[in-house]
Amino acid sequence: MSEMIATMGPIFWLIMLFAALSLAVVAERLFYYHRVNINSGDFLRGLSSLLRSGQYDEALHEARELPGPMARVVEAVLSRPRLERGELRDIALEAADMEVYRVERNIRTLQACATVMPMLGILGTLLALVAFYEQPGVTDGAAAPPLVAATLQQALMLSAMGIALSVPTYLFYMYLASRARRIINKVARAGLECVYIICDARDAAKAAEESARPRRACCSLTPPEEPEKE
């Protein structure tokens, strides 16, 4: 086996380099997605209870303690709670757009590796066949059949290896790209939900403040007292 690997030349090691790079990207992305995965429902319900009670600093501290893009988008909204609904919505969408790069980072590398590896395998096959037919006596039929079979096997193994490694790489690329889109969708939705929670809590606090004010009588129900006659 070691002799066969040695005869396949640098193309084999180049394919293995792309395979190792793909494995590293897959491991890094899976760990990142696992680390930033939080329950958005529980997170938003906790923020809602804090904001309705007027504890904006506690809600902001809660968002800063959590990792991941969702907490950063919510933190960007909570840091400006006095703005209007439209301005808060723009802040949430802009913060969510800024998190797209972090969520999708290195995923395109998998697509590139899945495309390049089979091409390298075919290139290695062609180069091995060209090198074989450049040997003296091969075109005249003087080459021994075992040598021809061994050369063809080594050449075709490069193509088979490139294709075999590109298939799982592309499948992981599709899986991670789909998962990244779901995370981005959840992040944007959490940011908009936080905007609605802030505005609803602010409106409820304003209504409660107005209802607590003493109402001024617009007119008196009792007539004014007449002055006493002497």
C-alpha atoms as a PDB file:
ATOM      1  CA  MET A   1       0.000   0.000   0.000  1.00  0.00           C
ATOM      2  CA  SER A   2       2.812   2.400   0.841  1.00  0.00           C
ATOM      3  CA  GLU A   3       4.453   1.661  -2.494  1.00  0.00           C
ATOM      4  CA  MET A   4       1.190   2.402  -4.316  1.00  0.00           C
ATOM      5  CA  ILE A   5       0.819   5.683  -2.451  1.00  0.00           C
ATOM      6  CA  ALA A   6       4.376   6.599  -3.319  1.00  0.00           C
ATOM      7  CA  THR A   7       3.790   5.890  -7.000  1.00  0.00           C
ATOM      8  CA  MET A   8       0.624   8.020  -7.072  1.00  0.00           C
ATOM      9  CA  GLY A   9       2.799  11.037  -6.521  1.00  0.00           C
ATOM     10  CA  PRO A  10       2.040  14.503  -5.172  1.00  0.00           C
ATOM     11  CA  ILE A  11      -1.550  14.504  -6.489  1.00  0.00           C
ATOM     12  CA  PHE A  12      -2.474  11.974  -3.810  1.00  0.00           C
ATOM     13  CA  TRP A  13      -1.121  14.175  -1.016  1.00  0.00           C
ATOM     14  CA  LEU A  14      -2.828  17.216  -2.513  1.00  0.00           C
ATOM     15  CA  ILE A  15      -6.171  15.394  -2.435  1.00  0.00           C
ATOM     16  CA  MET A  16      -5.535  14.340   1.160  1.00  0.00           C
ATOM     17  CA  LEU A  17      -4.718  17.958   2.050  1.00  0.00           C
ATOM     18  CA  PHE A  18      -8.101  19.112   0.765  1.00  0.00           C
ATOM     19  CA  ALA A  19      -9.761  16.233   2.601  1.00  0.00           C
ATOM     20  CA  ALA A  20      -8.090  17.217   5.881  1.00  0.00           C
ATOM     21  CA  LEU A  21      -9.132  20.839   5.330  1.00  0.00           C
ATOM     22  CA  SER A  22     -12.730  19.737   4.773  1.00  0.00           C
ATOM     23  CA  LEU A  23     -12.697  17.666   7.938  1.00  0.00           C
ATOM     24  CA  ALA A  24     -11.356  20.588   9.953  1.00  0.00           C
ATOM     25  CA  VAL A  25     -14.058  22.918   8.603  1.00  0.00           C
ATOM     26  CA  VAL A  26     -16.826  20.420   9.365  1.00  0.00           C
ATOM     27  CA  ALA A  27     -15.592  19.887  12.931  1.00  0.00           C
ATOM     28  CA  GLU A  28     -15.243  23.637  13.560  1.00  0.00           C
ATOM     29  CA  ARG A  29     -18.710  24.493  12.196  1.00  0.00           C
ATOM     30  CA  LEU A  30     -20.447  21.685  14.074  1.00  0.00           C
ATOM     31  CA  PHE A  31     -18.834  22.799  17.330  1.00  0.00           C
ATOM     32  CA  TYR A  32     -19.769  26.431  16.668  1.00  0.00           C
ATOM     33  CA  TYR A  33     -23.404  25.624  15.879  1.00  0.00           C
ATOM     34  CA  HIS A  34     -23.667  23.482  18.979  1.00  0.00           C
ATOM     35  CA  ARG A  35     -22.188  26.234  21.163  1.00  0.00           C
ATOM     36  CA  VAL A  36     -24.469  29.028  19.920  1.00  0.00           C
ATOM     37  CA  ASN A  37     -27.628  26.939  19.940  1.00  0.00           C
ATOM     38  CA  ILE A  38     -29.980  28.395  22.566  1.00  0.00           C
ATOM     39  CA  ASN A  39     -33.682  28.008  23.159  1.00  0.00           C
ATOM     40  CA  SER A  40     -35.093  31.163  21.589  1.00  0.00           C
ATOM     41  CA  GLY A  41     -38.534  30.669  23.131  1.00  0.00           C
ATOM     42  CA  ASP A  42     -37.298  30.530  26.721  1.00  0.00           C
ATOM     43  CA  PHE A  43     -34.835  33.349  26.055  1.00  0.00           C
ATOM     44  CA  LEU A  44     -37.519  35.689  24.695  1.00  0.00           C
ATOM     45  CA  ARG A  45     -40.016  34.792  27.405  1.00  0.00           C
ATOM     46  CA  GLY A  46     -37.447  35.672  30.051  1.00  0.00           C
ATOM     47  CA  LEU A  47     -36.707  38.969  28.339  1.00  0.00           C
ATOM     48  CA  SER A  48     -40.421  39.722  28.061  1.00  0.00           C
ATOM     49  CA  SER A  49     -40.963  39.278  31.795  1.00  0.00           C
ATOM     50  CA  LEU A  50     -37.994  41.522  32.576  1.00  0.00           C
ATOM     51  CA  LEU A  51     -39.010  44.254  30.146  1.00  0.00           C
ATOM     52  CA  ARG A  52     -42.625  44.304  31.265  1.00  0.00           C
ATOM     53  CA  SER A  53     -41.434  44.933  34.810  1.00  0.00           C
ATOM     54  CA  GLY A  54     -39.145  47.729  33.608  1.00  0.00           C
ATOM     55  CA  GLN A  55     -35.860  45.878  34.259  1.00  0.00           C
ATOM     56  CA  TYR A  56     -34.048  46.943  31.075  1.00  0.00           C
ATOM     57  CA  ASP A  57     -30.574  46.726  32.600  1.00  0.00           C
ATOM     58  CA  GLU A  58     -31.192  43.166  33.776  1.00  0.00           C
ATOM     59  CA  ALA A  59     -32.463  42.172  30.322  1.00  0.00           C
ATOM     60  CA  LEU A  60     -29.395  43.718  28.669  1.00  0.00           C
ATOM     61  CA  HIS A  61     -27.111  41.907  31.101  1.00  0.00           C
ATOM     62  CA  GLU A  62     -28.902  38.627  30.349  1.00  0.00           C
ATOM     63  CA  ALA A  63     -28.344  39.096  26.613  1.00  0.00           C
ATOM     64  CA  ARG A  64     -24.656  39.893  27.098  1.00  0.00           C
ATOM     65  CA  GLU A  65     -24.093  36.753  29.145  1.00  0.00           C
ATOM     66  CA  LEU A  66     -25.291  34.400  26.397  1.00  0.00           C
ATOM     67  CA  PRO A  67     -23.061  33.470  23.436  1.00  0.00           C
ATOM     68  CA  GLY A  68     -24.024  33.459  19.814  1.00  0.00           C
ATOM     69  CA  PRO A  69     -25.532  35.696  17.131  1.00  0.00           C
ATOM     70  CA  MET A  70     -29.048  35.724  18.590  1.00  0.00           C
ATOM     71  CA  ALA A  71     -27.886  37.245  21.871  1.00  0.00           C
ATOM     72  CA  ARG A  72     -25.795  39.863  20.027  1.00  0.00           C
ATOM     73  CA  VAL A  73     -28.751  40.955  17.879  1.00  0.00           C
ATOM     74  CA  VAL A  74     -31.013  41.188  20.932  1.00  0.00           C
ATOM     75  CA  GLU A  75     -28.293  43.139  22.761  1.00  0.00           C
ATOM     76  CA  ALA A  76     -28.109  45.640  19.879  1.00  0.00           C
ATOM     77  CA  VAL A  77     -31.851  46.224  20.164  1.00  0.00           C
ATOM     78  CA  LEU A  78     -31.890  46.405  23.972  1.00  0.00           C
ATOM     79  CA  SER A  79     -29.094  48.962  24.038  1.00  0.00           C
ATOM     80  CA  ARG A  80     -31.439  51.519  22.391  1.00  0.00           C
ATOM     81  CA  PRO A  81     -34.839  50.890  24.000  1.00  0.00           C
ATOM     82  CA  ARG A  82     -36.099  54.502  23.634  1.00  0.00           C
ATOM     83  CA  LEU A  83     -36.126  54.567  19.836  1.00  0.00           C
ATOM     84  CA  GLU A  84     -39.267  54.274  17.756  1.00  0.00           C
ATOM     85  CA  ARG A  85     -40.531  50.946  16.452  1.00  0.00           C
ATOM     86  CA  GLY A  86     -39.284  51.515  12.901  1.00  0.00           C
ATOM     87  CA  GLU A  87     -35.801  52.504  14.050  1.00  0.00           C
ATOM     88  CA  LEU A  88     -35.577  49.496  16.366  1.00  0.00           C
ATOM     89  CA  ARG A  89     -36.656  47.234  13.519  1.00  0.00           C
ATOM     90  CA  ASP A  90     -33.901  48.622  11.259  1.00  0.00           C
ATOM     91  CA  ILE A  91     -31.336  48.054  14.020  1.00  0.00           C
ATOM     92  CA  ALA A  92     -32.480  44.439  14.456  1.00  0.00           C
ATOM     93  CA  LEU A  93     -32.271  43.696  10.722  1.00  0.00           C
ATOM     94  CA  GLU A  94     -28.877  45.373  10.343  1.00  0.00           C
ATOM     95  CA  ALA A  95     -27.487  43.467  13.331  1.00  0.00           C
ATOM     96  CA  ALA A  96     -28.842  40.203  11.894  1.00  0.00           C
ATOM     97  CA  ASP A  97     -27.192  40.940   8.527  1.00  0.00           C
ATOM     98  CA  MET A  98     -23.870  41.489  10.269  1.00  0.00           C
ATOM     99  CA  GLU A  99     -24.110  38.019  11.825  1.00  0.00           C
ATOM    100  CA  VAL A 100     -24.489  36.265   8.459  1.00  0.00           C
ATOM    101  CA  TYR A 101     -20.733  36.186   7.874  1.00  0.00           C
ATOM    102  CA  ARG A 102     -20.044  34.625  11.262  1.00  0.00           C
ATOM    103  CA  VAL A 103     -22.691  31.965  10.783  1.00  0.00           C
ATOM    104  CA  GLU A 104     -21.674  31.063   7.211  1.00  0.00           C
ATOM    105  CA  ARG A 105     -17.910  31.393   7.708  1.00  0.00           C
ATOM    106  CA  ASN A 106     -15.785  28.669   6.033  1.00  0.00           C
ATOM    107  CA  ILE A 107     -18.824  26.871   4.578  1.00  0.00           C
ATOM    108  CA  ARG A 108     -17.848  27.896   1.044  1.00  0.00           C
ATOM    109  CA  THR A 109     -14.533  26.158   1.640  1.00  0.00           C
ATOM    110  CA  LEU A 110     -16.353  22.826   1.681  1.00  0.00           C
ATOM    111  CA  GLN A 111     -17.941  23.569  -1.668  1.00  0.00           C
ATOM    112  CA  ALA A 112     -14.539  24.437  -3.117  1.00  0.00           C
ATOM    113  CA  CYS A 113     -12.976  21.236  -1.756  1.00  0.00           C
ATOM    114  CA  ALA A 114     -15.838  19.108  -3.071  1.00  0.00           C
ATOM    115  CA  THR A 115     -15.314  20.635  -6.521  1.00  0.00           C
ATOM    116  CA  VAL A 116     -11.514  20.472  -6.614  1.00  0.00           C
ATOM    117  CA  MET A 117     -10.903  16.937  -5.274  1.00  0.00           C
ATOM    118  CA  PRO A 118     -12.474  14.977  -8.172  1.00  0.00           C
ATOM    119  CA  MET A 119     -10.720  17.267 -10.650  1.00  0.00           C
ATOM    120  CA  LEU A 120      -7.408  16.537  -8.974  1.00  0.00           C
ATOM    121  CA  GLY A 121      -8.157  12.823  -9.132  1.00  0.00           C
ATOM    122  CA  ILE A 122      -8.843  12.976 -12.865  1.00  0.00           C
ATOM    123  CA  LEU A 123      -5.728  15.082 -13.370  1.00  0.00           C
ATOM    124  CA  GLY A 124      -3.652  12.542 -11.466  1.00  0.00           C
ATOM    125  CA  THR A 125      -5.098   9.727 -13.589  1.00  0.00           C
ATOM    126  CA  LEU A 126      -4.246  11.507 -16.826  1.00  0.00           C
ATOM    127  CA  LEU A 127      -0.738  12.380 -15.682  1.00  0.00           C
ATOM    128  CA  ALA A 128      -0.098   8.786 -14.595  1.00  0.00           C
ATOM    129  CA  LEU A 129      -1.270   7.450 -17.967  1.00  0.00           C
ATOM    130  CA  VAL A 130       0.828   9.983 -19.856  1.00  0.00           C
ATOM    131  CA  ALA A 131       3.890   9.054 -17.796  1.00  0.00           C
ATOM    132  CA  PHE A 132       3.221   5.374 -18.428  1.00  0.00           C
ATOM    133  CA  TYR A 133       2.934   5.728 -22.211  1.00  0.00           C
ATOM    134  CA  GLU A 134       6.103   7.812 -22.329  1.00  0.00           C
ATOM    135  CA  GLN A 135       8.116   4.771 -21.209  1.00  0.00           C
ATOM    136  CA  PRO A 136      10.122   3.126 -23.995  1.00  0.00           C
ATOM    137  CA  GLY A 137       8.552   0.066 -25.569  1.00  0.00           C
ATOM    138  CA  VAL A 138       5.033   0.647 -24.263  1.00  0.00           C
ATOM    139  CA  THR A 139       3.602   1.845 -27.573  1.00  0.00           C
ATOM    140  CA  ASP A 140       5.194  -1.147 -29.335  1.00  0.00           C
ATOM    141  CA  GLY A 141       3.427  -3.626 -27.034  1.00  0.00           C
ATOM    142  CA  ALA A 142       6.596  -4.614 -25.219  1.00  0.00           C
ATOM    143  CA  ALA A 143       5.234  -3.759 -21.776  1.00  0.00           C
ATOM    144  CA  ALA A 144       4.421  -6.680 -19.532  1.00  0.00           C
ATOM    145  CA  PRO A 145       0.723  -7.173 -18.752  1.00  0.00           C
ATOM    146  CA  PRO A 146       1.272  -7.027 -14.949  1.00  0.00           C
ATOM    147  CA  LEU A 147       2.959  -3.622 -15.347  1.00  0.00           C
ATOM    148  CA  VAL A 148       0.071  -2.335 -17.435  1.00  0.00           C
ATOM    149  CA  ALA A 149      -2.501  -3.566 -14.888  1.00  0.00           C
ATOM    150  CA  ALA A 150      -0.621  -2.053 -11.946  1.00  0.00           C
ATOM    151  CA  THR A 151      -0.268   1.287 -13.719  1.00  0.00           C
ATOM    152  CA  LEU A 152      -3.939   1.414 -14.637  1.00  0.00           C
ATOM    153  CA  GLN A 153      -4.931   0.504 -11.088  1.00  0.00           C
ATOM    154  CA  GLN A 154      -2.820   3.236  -9.561  1.00  0.00           C
ATOM    155  CA  ALA A 155      -4.058   5.804 -12.078  1.00  0.00           C
ATOM    156  CA  LEU A 156      -7.725   4.977 -11.606  1.00  0.00           C
ATOM    157  CA  MET A 157      -7.386   4.960  -7.821  1.00  0.00           C
ATOM    158  CA  LEU A 158      -6.623   8.676  -7.932  1.00  0.00           C
ATOM    159  CA  SER A 159      -9.901   9.389  -9.691  1.00  0.00           C
ATOM    160  CA  ALA A 160     -11.805   7.056  -7.382  1.00  0.00           C
ATOM    161  CA  MET A 161     -10.253   8.644  -4.299  1.00  0.00           C
ATOM    162  CA  GLY A 162     -11.053  12.177  -5.459  1.00  0.00           C
ATOM    163  CA  ILE A 163     -14.689  11.315  -6.176  1.00  0.00           C
ATOM    164  CA  ALA A 164     -15.126   9.246  -2.997  1.00  0.00           C
ATOM    165  CA  LEU A 165     -13.872  12.090  -0.808  1.00  0.00           C
ATOM    166  CA  SER A 166     -15.823  14.794  -2.630  1.00  0.00           C
ATOM    167  CA  VAL A 167     -19.222  13.128  -2.096  1.00  0.00           C
ATOM    168  CA  PRO A 168     -19.323  13.338   1.745  1.00  0.00           C
ATOM    169  CA  THR A 169     -17.704  16.785   1.579  1.00  0.00           C
ATOM    170  CA  TYR A 170     -20.507  18.098  -0.608  1.00  0.00           C
ATOM    171  CA  LEU A 171     -23.146  16.461   1.583  1.00  0.00           C
ATOM    172  CA  PHE A 172     -21.676  18.149   4.656  1.00  0.00           C
ATOM    173  CA  TYR A 173     -21.655  21.428   2.748  1.00  0.00           C
ATOM    174  CA  MET A 174     -25.378  21.118   1.982  1.00  0.00           C
ATOM    175  CA  TYR A 175     -26.156  20.205   5.595  1.00  0.00           C
ATOM    176  CA  LEU A 176     -24.151  23.056   7.101  1.00  0.00           C
ATOM    177  CA  ALA A 177     -25.518  25.583   4.596  1.00  0.00           C
ATOM    178  CA  SER A 178     -29.070  24.548   5.466  1.00  0.00           C
ATOM    179  CA  ARG A 179     -28.352  24.772   9.169  1.00  0.00           C
ATOM    180  CA  ALA A 180     -26.757  28.200   8.735  1.00  0.00           C
ATOM    181  CA  ARG A 181     -29.869  29.478   6.945  1.00  0.00           C
ATOM    182  CA  ARG A 182     -32.070  28.215   9.774  1.00  0.00           C
ATOM    183  CA  ILE A 183     -29.877  29.946  12.374  1.00  0.00           C
ATOM    184  CA  ILE A 184     -29.936  33.234  10.448  1.00  0.00           C
ATOM    185  CA  ASN A 185     -33.721  33.027  10.171  1.00  0.00           C
ATOM    186  CA  LYS A 186     -34.046  32.409  13.920  1.00  0.00           C
ATOM    187  CA  VAL A 187     -31.688  35.296  14.681  1.00  0.00           C
ATOM    188  CA  ALA A 188     -33.639  37.777  12.550  1.00  0.00           C
ATOM    189  CA  ARG A 189     -36.953  36.600  13.983  1.00  0.00           C
ATOM    190  CA  ALA A 190     -35.635  36.894  17.561  1.00  0.00           C
ATOM    191  CA  GLY A 191     -34.487  40.441  16.863  1.00  0.00           C
ATOM    192  CA  LEU A 192     -37.910  41.442  15.547  1.00  0.00           C
ATOM    193  CA  GLU A 193     -39.645  39.717  18.457  1.00  0.00           C
ATOM    194  CA  CYS A 194     -37.470  41.716  20.834  1.00  0.00           C
ATOM    195  CA  VAL A 195     -38.559  44.918  19.062  1.00  0.00           C
ATOM    196  CA  TYR A 196     -42.215  43.994  19.521  1.00  0.00           C
ATOM    197  CA  ILE A 197     -41.641  43.092  23.179  1.00  0.00           C
ATOM    198  CA  ILE A 198     -39.930  46.429  23.887  1.00  0.00           C
ATOM    199  CA  CYS A 199     -42.627  48.453  22.144  1.00  0.00           C
ATOM    200  CA  ASP A 200     -45.472  46.535  23.811  1.00  0.00           C
ATOM    201  CA  ALA A 201     -43.858  46.889  27.240  1.00  0.00           C
ATOM    202  CA  ARG A 202     -43.331  50.582  26.634  1.00  0.00           C
ATOM    203  CA  ASP A 203     -46.939  51.099  25.530  1.00  0.00           C
ATOM    204  CA  ALA A 204     -48.233  49.133  28.522  1.00  0.00           C
ATOM    205  CA  ALA A 205     -46.115  51.218  30.919  1.00  0.00           C
ATOM    206  CA  LYS A 206     -47.359  54.432  29.297  1.00  0.00           C
ATOM    207  CA  ALA A 207     -50.980  53.328  29.542  1.00  0.00           C
ATOM    208  CA  ALA A 208     -50.545  52.369  33.185  1.00  0.00           C
ATOM    209  CA  GLU A 209     -48.958  55.737  33.919  1.00  0.00           C
ATOM    210  CA  GLU A 210     -51.787  57.613  32.253  1.00  0.00           C
ATOM    211  CA  SER A 211     -54.437  55.611  34.080  1.00  0.00           C
ATOM    212  CA  ALA A 212     -52.734  56.324  37.420  1.00  0.00           C
ATOM    213  CA  ARG A 213     -52.887  60.091  36.981  1.00  0.00           C
ATOM    214  CA  PRO A 214     -55.784  61.839  38.851  1.00  0.00           C
ATOM    215  CA  ARG A 215     -58.469  62.919  36.494  1.00  0.00           C
ATOM    216  CA  ARG A 216     -59.322  66.574  36.539  1.00  0.00           C
ATOM    217  CA  ALA A 217     -62.981  67.457  36.614  1.00  0.00           C
ATOM    218  CA  CYS A 218     -63.926  69.461  33.605  1.00  0.00           C
ATOM    219  CA  CYS A 219     -66.925  70.889  35.329  1.00  0.00           C
ATOM    220  CA  SER A 220     -68.297  70.966  38.872  1.00  0.00           C
ATOM    221  CA  LEU A 221     -71.504  69.148  39.631  1.00  0.00           C
ATOM    222  CA  THR A 222     -72.427  71.425  42.600  1.00  0.00           C
ATOM    223  CA  PRO A 223     -73.459  74.997  41.904  1.00  0.00           C
ATOM    224  CA  PRO A 224     -71.388  77.747  43.469  1.00  0.00           C
ATOM    225  CA  GLU A 225     -72.623  79.181  46.753  1.00  0.00           C
ATOM    226  CA  GLU A 226     -74.541  82.422  46.599  1.00  0.00           C
ATOM    227  CA  PRO A 227     -73.258  85.307  48.703  1.00  0.00           C
ATOM    228  CA  GLU A 228     -75.248  85.982  51.864  1.00  0.00           C
ATOM    229  CA  LYS A 229     -77.603  88.934  51.779  1.00  0.00           C
ATOM    230  CA  GLU A 230     -77.335  91.458  54.570  1.00  0.00           C
END
